[in-house]
């Protein structure tokens, strides 16, 4: 298997002509077939047409150069509709997001391993974050891939991605690895932070609202209690005085009509005076009781408002 990472920029050496043809340019990935179909040639002399080297034309994929065994298969990009279509799709594999069919992010493509003979992509090496410095890596087989899109690799939801932490070799020479959970989604973290901020803002808002309501109630009671009490007491006093005065006038009128024929005028006036004093005293007691009841009612209303 050959790694795709590091292919770009490698020299292309023709075995037949014994010279360098250029360097590997853009990788032409076929998302439908899940394979590397070929790559463009980046030449120092860019005056000619853009050429495409099919995978079938490569004799060997070396670490420092690629040898071209069949230069006759090299074709201009503009004259081949298939390669031109792949070039226009511009599928970006390395660095793409890895998601399941539900859109859940599980990692990022760090590398892909292919069959040098056919260009078929066999395995994908993914990392837990977009920066390629993360020590947590996992491999996804081609059989677990649902689709290869322009900037995303979609895998089947039933495939479990098990990340391993790469570390130095142990004293026995065996590589130590540690399994770690799936990558945490940035979107989930952002949503959790957003929910936490919203909940905290709601709590502060409620506490502030309760505090301001309490302060307003205390201010209202301190400022409006006495005027309210005076208004209620005055209204009760006025109403009681009016009703008692009407009652006194009615009683005196009836008494005056009934007694002149039965008693002397002097005795009549004395009895009228006693009756007036008795009614006035009763009226004062009633007013005092009404004022006390009004004051108690105002106090209870103020306590209920607090």
Protein backbone atom coordinates (compact mmCIF):
# COMPACT_ATOMS: atom_id res chain seq x y z
CA UNK A 1 0.00 0.00 0.00
CA UNK A 2 1.10 3.56 -0.71
CA UNK A 3 0.31 6.63 1.31
CA UNK A 4 -1.28 9.60 -0.46
CA UNK A 5 0.28 12.07 1.96
CA UNK A 6 3.49 13.41 0.53
CA UNK A 7 2.75 12.54 -3.11
CA UNK A 8 2.37 16.15 -4.22
CA UNK A 9 5.64 17.68 -5.30
CA UNK A 10 7.49 14.38 -5.88
CA UNK A 11 9.51 14.19 -9.14
CA UNK A 12 8.14 12.19 -12.09
CA UNK A 13 10.95 10.31 -13.88
CA UNK A 14 10.37 8.64 -17.25
CA UNK A 15 12.08 5.27 -17.53
CA UNK A 16 11.77 5.27 -21.32
CA UNK A 17 13.21 8.75 -21.82
CA UNK A 18 15.49 8.77 -18.81
CA UNK A 19 14.53 12.28 -17.74
CA UNK A 20 12.34 14.13 -15.27
CA UNK A 21 8.95 15.03 -16.71
CA UNK A 22 7.89 17.31 -13.89
CA UNK A 23 6.40 16.94 -10.43
CA UNK A 24 3.14 15.61 -9.03
CA UNK A 25 0.51 18.38 -9.05
CA UNK A 26 -3.17 17.98 -8.20
CA UNK A 27 -4.50 14.56 -7.21
CA UNK A 28 -7.50 13.48 -9.31
CA UNK A 29 -9.72 11.48 -6.95
CA UNK A 30 -12.71 9.55 -8.27
CA UNK A 31 -15.34 9.68 -5.47
CA UNK A 32 -17.65 7.22 -7.17
CA UNK A 33 -15.01 4.52 -7.58
CA UNK A 34 -13.20 5.54 -4.38
CA UNK A 35 -9.81 5.56 -6.09
CA UNK A 36 -6.97 7.79 -7.22
CA UNK A 37 -7.44 8.02 -10.98
CA UNK A 38 -4.27 10.01 -11.61
CA UNK A 39 -2.61 13.37 -11.06
CA UNK A 40 -1.60 16.40 -13.02
CA UNK A 41 2.01 17.15 -13.96
CA UNK A 42 3.51 20.32 -12.56
CA UNK A 43 6.34 21.21 -14.94
CA UNK A 44 8.91 23.97 -14.66
CA UNK A 45 7.95 25.03 -18.17
CA UNK A 46 4.26 25.86 -17.84
CA UNK A 47 3.80 26.96 -21.46
CA UNK A 48 2.30 23.70 -22.70
CA UNK A 49 -1.09 22.13 -21.84
CA UNK A 50 -1.81 20.59 -18.44
CA UNK A 51 -0.98 16.88 -18.64
CA UNK A 52 -2.48 14.02 -16.62
CA UNK A 53 -0.58 10.90 -15.52
CA UNK A 54 -2.95 7.95 -14.95
CA UNK A 55 -2.12 5.62 -12.05
CA UNK A 56 -1.72 2.83 -14.59
CA UNK A 57 1.24 4.69 -16.13
CA UNK A 58 3.26 4.71 -12.89
CA UNK A 59 5.89 2.00 -12.62
CA UNK A 60 6.65 2.50 -8.94
CA UNK A 61 5.79 4.88 -6.13
CA UNK A 62 9.08 5.63 -4.43
CA UNK A 63 9.67 7.67 -1.33
CA UNK A 64 11.58 10.36 -3.24
CA UNK A 65 10.27 10.01 -6.82
CA UNK A 66 7.72 8.28 -9.04
CA UNK A 67 8.90 6.38 -12.09
CA UNK A 68 6.75 6.47 -15.22
CA UNK A 69 6.79 3.18 -17.12
CA UNK A 70 4.21 4.04 -19.79
CA UNK A 71 4.63 7.61 -20.98
CA UNK A 72 2.22 6.90 -23.83
CA UNK A 73 -0.64 6.91 -21.35
CA UNK A 74 0.02 10.52 -20.35
CA UNK A 75 -2.75 12.66 -21.85
CA UNK A 76 -3.71 16.34 -21.96
CA UNK A 77 -6.29 17.23 -19.30
CA UNK A 78 -8.48 19.24 -21.68
CA UNK A 79 -8.86 16.36 -24.13
CA UNK A 80 -10.12 13.80 -21.59
CA UNK A 81 -13.65 14.43 -20.30
CA UNK A 82 -13.31 11.98 -17.41
CA UNK A 83 -10.15 13.55 -16.00
CA UNK A 84 -11.51 17.03 -16.65
CA UNK A 85 -14.65 16.16 -14.68
CA UNK A 86 -12.56 14.89 -11.75
CA UNK A 87 -10.43 18.03 -11.92
CA UNK A 88 -13.55 20.22 -11.77
CA UNK A 89 -14.94 18.28 -8.79
CA UNK A 90 -11.69 19.03 -6.91
CA UNK A 91 -12.29 16.47 -4.17
CA UNK A 92 -10.15 17.41 -1.17
CA UNK A 93 -9.49 14.27 0.83
CA UNK A 94 -6.61 15.11 3.13
CA UNK A 95 -7.86 17.35 5.95
CA UNK A 96 -11.54 16.70 5.19
CA UNK A 97 -14.09 16.09 7.92
CA UNK A 98 -15.15 12.52 8.71
CA UNK A 99 -18.85 12.24 9.56
CA UNK A 100 -21.43 9.51 9.80
CA UNK A 101 -24.62 9.54 7.71
CA UNK A 102 -26.40 11.54 10.45
CA UNK A 103 -23.83 14.32 10.15
CA UNK A 104 -22.04 13.55 13.42
CA UNK A 105 -18.40 14.60 13.28
CA UNK A 106 -15.98 11.83 14.29
CA UNK A 107 -12.62 13.10 13.04
CA UNK A 108 -10.50 14.42 10.16
CA UNK A 109 -8.70 12.60 7.34
CA UNK A 110 -4.96 12.59 7.96
CA UNK A 111 -3.91 10.17 5.23
CA UNK A 112 -5.18 7.46 2.90
CA UNK A 113 -3.57 4.20 1.81
CA UNK A 114 -4.09 3.02 -1.74
CA UNK A 115 -3.29 0.05 -3.96
CA UNK A 116 -0.42 1.29 -6.22
CA UNK A 117 -1.55 -0.93 -9.08
CA UNK A 118 -5.14 0.31 -9.33
CA UNK A 119 -5.21 3.46 -7.20
CA UNK A 120 -8.06 2.01 -5.11
CA UNK A 121 -8.29 3.65 -1.68
CA UNK A 122 -8.11 0.85 0.89
CA UNK A 123 -7.86 2.55 4.28
CA UNK A 124 -8.16 6.03 5.69
CA UNK A 125 -6.12 7.28 8.61
CA UNK A 126 -8.06 9.82 10.65
CA UNK A 127 -7.11 12.00 13.59
CA UNK A 128 -9.15 13.41 16.45
CA UNK A 129 -8.61 17.08 15.57
CA UNK A 130 -8.02 19.11 12.45
CA UNK A 131 -4.41 19.84 13.32
CA UNK A 132 -2.33 16.85 12.32
CA UNK A 133 -0.27 16.99 15.53
CA UNK A 134 -2.79 15.02 17.59
CA UNK A 135 -1.40 11.69 18.88
CA UNK A 136 -4.84 10.08 18.62
CA UNK A 137 -5.38 8.20 15.36
CA UNK A 138 -7.70 5.59 13.93
CA UNK A 139 -8.06 3.64 10.68
CA UNK A 140 -11.29 3.42 8.68
CA UNK A 141 -11.49 0.68 6.02
CA UNK A 142 -12.93 1.45 2.61
CA UNK A 143 -15.81 -0.93 3.34
CA UNK A 144 -17.01 1.46 6.09
CA UNK A 145 -17.19 4.44 3.69
CA UNK A 146 -20.66 5.49 2.61
CA UNK A 147 -19.62 8.38 0.34
CA UNK A 148 -16.66 10.55 -0.57
CA UNK A 149 -17.74 14.17 -1.04
CA UNK A 150 -15.84 17.30 -2.03
CA UNK A 151 -14.61 18.10 1.47
CA UNK A 152 -16.12 15.32 3.60
CA UNK A 153 -15.78 11.58 4.07
CA UNK A 154 -19.05 9.94 5.13
CA UNK A 155 -18.92 6.60 6.95
CA UNK A 156 -21.61 4.14 7.98
CA UNK A 157 -23.16 4.92 11.40
CA UNK A 158 -22.64 1.36 12.65
CA UNK A 159 -18.86 1.62 12.20
CA UNK A 160 -17.14 2.27 15.53
CA UNK A 161 -14.11 4.54 15.31
CA UNK A 162 -11.62 3.46 17.99
CA UNK A 163 -8.86 5.99 18.44
CA UNK A 164 -5.44 4.89 19.61
CA UNK A 165 -2.82 7.05 21.24
CA UNK A 166 0.57 6.55 19.65
CA UNK A 167 3.56 6.58 21.98
CA UNK A 168 7.21 5.59 22.03
CA UNK A 169 8.32 1.98 22.01
CA UNK A 170 8.45 0.20 25.35
CA UNK A 171 11.57 -1.36 26.83
CA UNK A 172 10.74 -4.62 25.04
CA UNK A 173 10.52 -2.84 21.69
CA UNK A 174 6.73 -3.15 21.45
CA UNK A 175 4.71 -0.09 20.54
CA UNK A 176 2.46 1.03 23.38
CA UNK A 177 -1.03 2.17 22.41
CA UNK A 178 -3.97 3.31 24.43
CA UNK A 179 -7.58 3.30 23.27
CA UNK A 180 -9.41 6.57 23.71
CA UNK A 181 -13.03 7.62 23.14
CA UNK A 182 -14.38 9.13 19.95
CA UNK A 183 -13.48 12.70 19.09
CA UNK A 184 -15.59 15.31 20.82
CA UNK A 185 -17.53 17.46 18.40
CA UNK A 186 -16.83 21.16 18.39
CA UNK A 187 -20.50 21.80 17.69
CA UNK A 188 -21.57 19.88 20.79
CA UNK A 189 -19.09 21.80 22.94
CA UNK A 190 -20.28 25.10 21.52
CA UNK A 191 -23.93 24.15 22.13
CA UNK A 192 -23.17 23.04 25.70
CA UNK A 193 -21.39 26.33 26.40
CA UNK A 194 -24.27 28.25 24.83
CA UNK A 195 -26.84 26.35 26.95
CA UNK A 196 -24.78 26.94 30.10
CA UNK A 197 -24.50 30.67 29.36
CA UNK A 198 -28.25 30.88 28.65
CA UNK A 199 -29.10 29.09 31.90
CA UNK A 200 -26.75 31.33 33.88
CA UNK A 201 -28.17 34.47 32.26
CA UNK A 202 -31.71 33.31 33.06
CA UNK A 203 -30.74 32.68 36.69
CA UNK A 204 -29.13 36.11 37.03
CA UNK A 205 -32.13 37.73 35.32
CA UNK A 206 -34.56 36.07 37.74
CA UNK A 207 -32.50 36.98 40.79
CA UNK A 208 -32.21 40.59 39.60
CA UNK A 209 -35.94 40.73 38.82
CA UNK A 210 -36.84 39.39 42.28
CA UNK A 211 -34.44 41.83 43.95
CA UNK A 212 -35.80 44.82 42.04
CA UNK A 213 -39.39 43.79 42.78
CA UNK A 214 -38.61 43.51 46.49
CA UNK A 215 -36.86 46.89 46.47
CA UNK A 216 -39.77 48.46 44.62
CA UNK A 217 -42.28 46.93 47.05
CA UNK A 218 -40.32 48.20 50.06
CA UNK A 219 -39.98 51.66 48.51
CA UNK A 220 -43.67 51.75 47.65
CA UNK A 221 -44.70 50.69 51.14
CA UNK A 222 -42.36 53.18 52.81
CA UNK A 223 -43.53 56.04 50.61
CA UNK A 224 -47.20 55.26 49.97
CA UNK A 225 -48.25 53.52 53.20
CA UNK A 226 -49.11 56.63 55.22
CA UNK A 227 -50.81 58.53 52.35
CA UNK A 228 -52.82 55.40 51.55
CA UNK A 229 -53.75 54.98 55.22
CA UNK A 230 -54.76 58.63 55.51
CA UNK A 231 -56.86 58.41 52.35
CA UNK A 232 -58.68 55.28 53.53
CA UNK A 233 -59.23 56.71 57.03
CA UNK A 234 -60.47 60.03 55.62
CA UNK A 235 -62.90 58.31 53.26
CA UNK A 236 -64.24 56.09 56.08
CA UNK A 237 -64.57 59.08 58.47
CA UNK A 238 -66.39 61.14 55.85
CA UNK A 239 -68.80 58.35 55.03
CA UNK A 240 -69.49 57.55 58.70
CA UNK A 241 -69.99 61.24 59.59
CA UNK A 242 -72.42 61.67 56.74
CA UNK A 243 -74.46 58.61 57.67
CA UNK A 244 -74.46 59.36 61.40
CA UNK A 245 -75.41 63.00 60.76
CA UNK A 246 -78.31 61.85 58.61
CA UNK A 247 -79.39 59.43 61.32
CA UNK A 248 -79.16 62.10 64.06
CA UNK A 249 -81.17 64.59 62.04
CA UNK A 250 -83.83 62.00 61.31
CA UNK A 251 -84.07 60.91 64.93
CA UNK A 252 -84.28 64.50 66.22
CA UNK A 253 -86.96 65.33 63.66
CA UNK A 254 -89.11 62.34 64.63
CA UNK A 255 -88.60 63.00 68.32
CA UNK A 256 -89.46 66.63 67.84
CA UNK A 257 -92.69 65.75 66.10
CA UNK A 258 -93.74 63.26 68.77
CA UNK A 259 -92.97 65.01 72.10
CA UNK A 260 -94.24 68.62 71.95
CA UNK A 261 -97.73 67.59 72.95
CA UNK A 262 -96.54 65.44 75.87
CA UNK A 263 -93.93 67.52 77.74
CA UNK A 264 -93.11 71.07 78.50
CA UNK A 265 -90.79 72.95 76.17
CA UNK A 266 -88.05 73.16 78.76
CA UNK A 267 -88.08 69.47 79.45
CA UNK A 268 -88.29 68.82 75.74
CA UNK A 269 -85.18 70.89 75.03
CA UNK A 270 -83.29 69.13 77.83
CA UNK A 271 -84.18 65.70 76.49
CA UNK A 272 -83.26 66.82 72.98
CA UNK A 273 -79.86 67.97 74.25
CA UNK A 274 -79.26 64.67 76.07
CA UNK A 275 -80.24 62.74 72.98
CA UNK A 276 -77.91 64.85 70.81
CA UNK A 277 -74.98 64.28 73.20
CA UNK A 278 -75.69 60.55 73.31
CA UNK A 279 -75.85 60.29 69.52
CA UNK A 280 -72.71 62.38 69.06
CA UNK A 281 -70.81 60.21 71.54
CA UNK A 282 -71.99 57.07 69.74
CA UNK A 283 -70.97 58.61 66.43
CA UNK A 284 -67.48 59.42 67.74
CA UNK A 285 -67.07 55.85 69.00
CA UNK A 286 -68.20 54.49 65.64
CA UNK A 287 -65.75 56.76 63.81
CA UNK A 288 -62.88 55.69 66.07
CA UNK A 289 -63.74 52.04 65.51
CA UNK A 290 -63.89 52.65 61.73
CA UNK A 291 -60.52 54.38 61.75
CA UNK A 292 -58.98 51.50 63.72
CA UNK A 293 -60.46 48.93 61.31
CA UNK A 294 -59.22 50.92 58.28
CA UNK A 295 -55.70 51.21 59.76
CA UNK A 296 -55.59 47.45 60.45
CA UNK A 297 -56.81 46.72 56.90
CA UNK A 298 -54.09 49.00 55.45
CA UNK A 299 -51.42 47.28 57.59
CA UNK A 300 -52.54 43.86 56.37
CA UNK A 301 -52.49 45.06 52.76
CA UNK A 302 -48.96 46.42 53.20
CA UNK A 303 -47.76 43.13 54.75
CA UNK A 304 -49.31 41.16 51.89
CA UNK A 305 -47.57 43.39 49.33
CA UNK A 306 -44.20 42.85 51.08
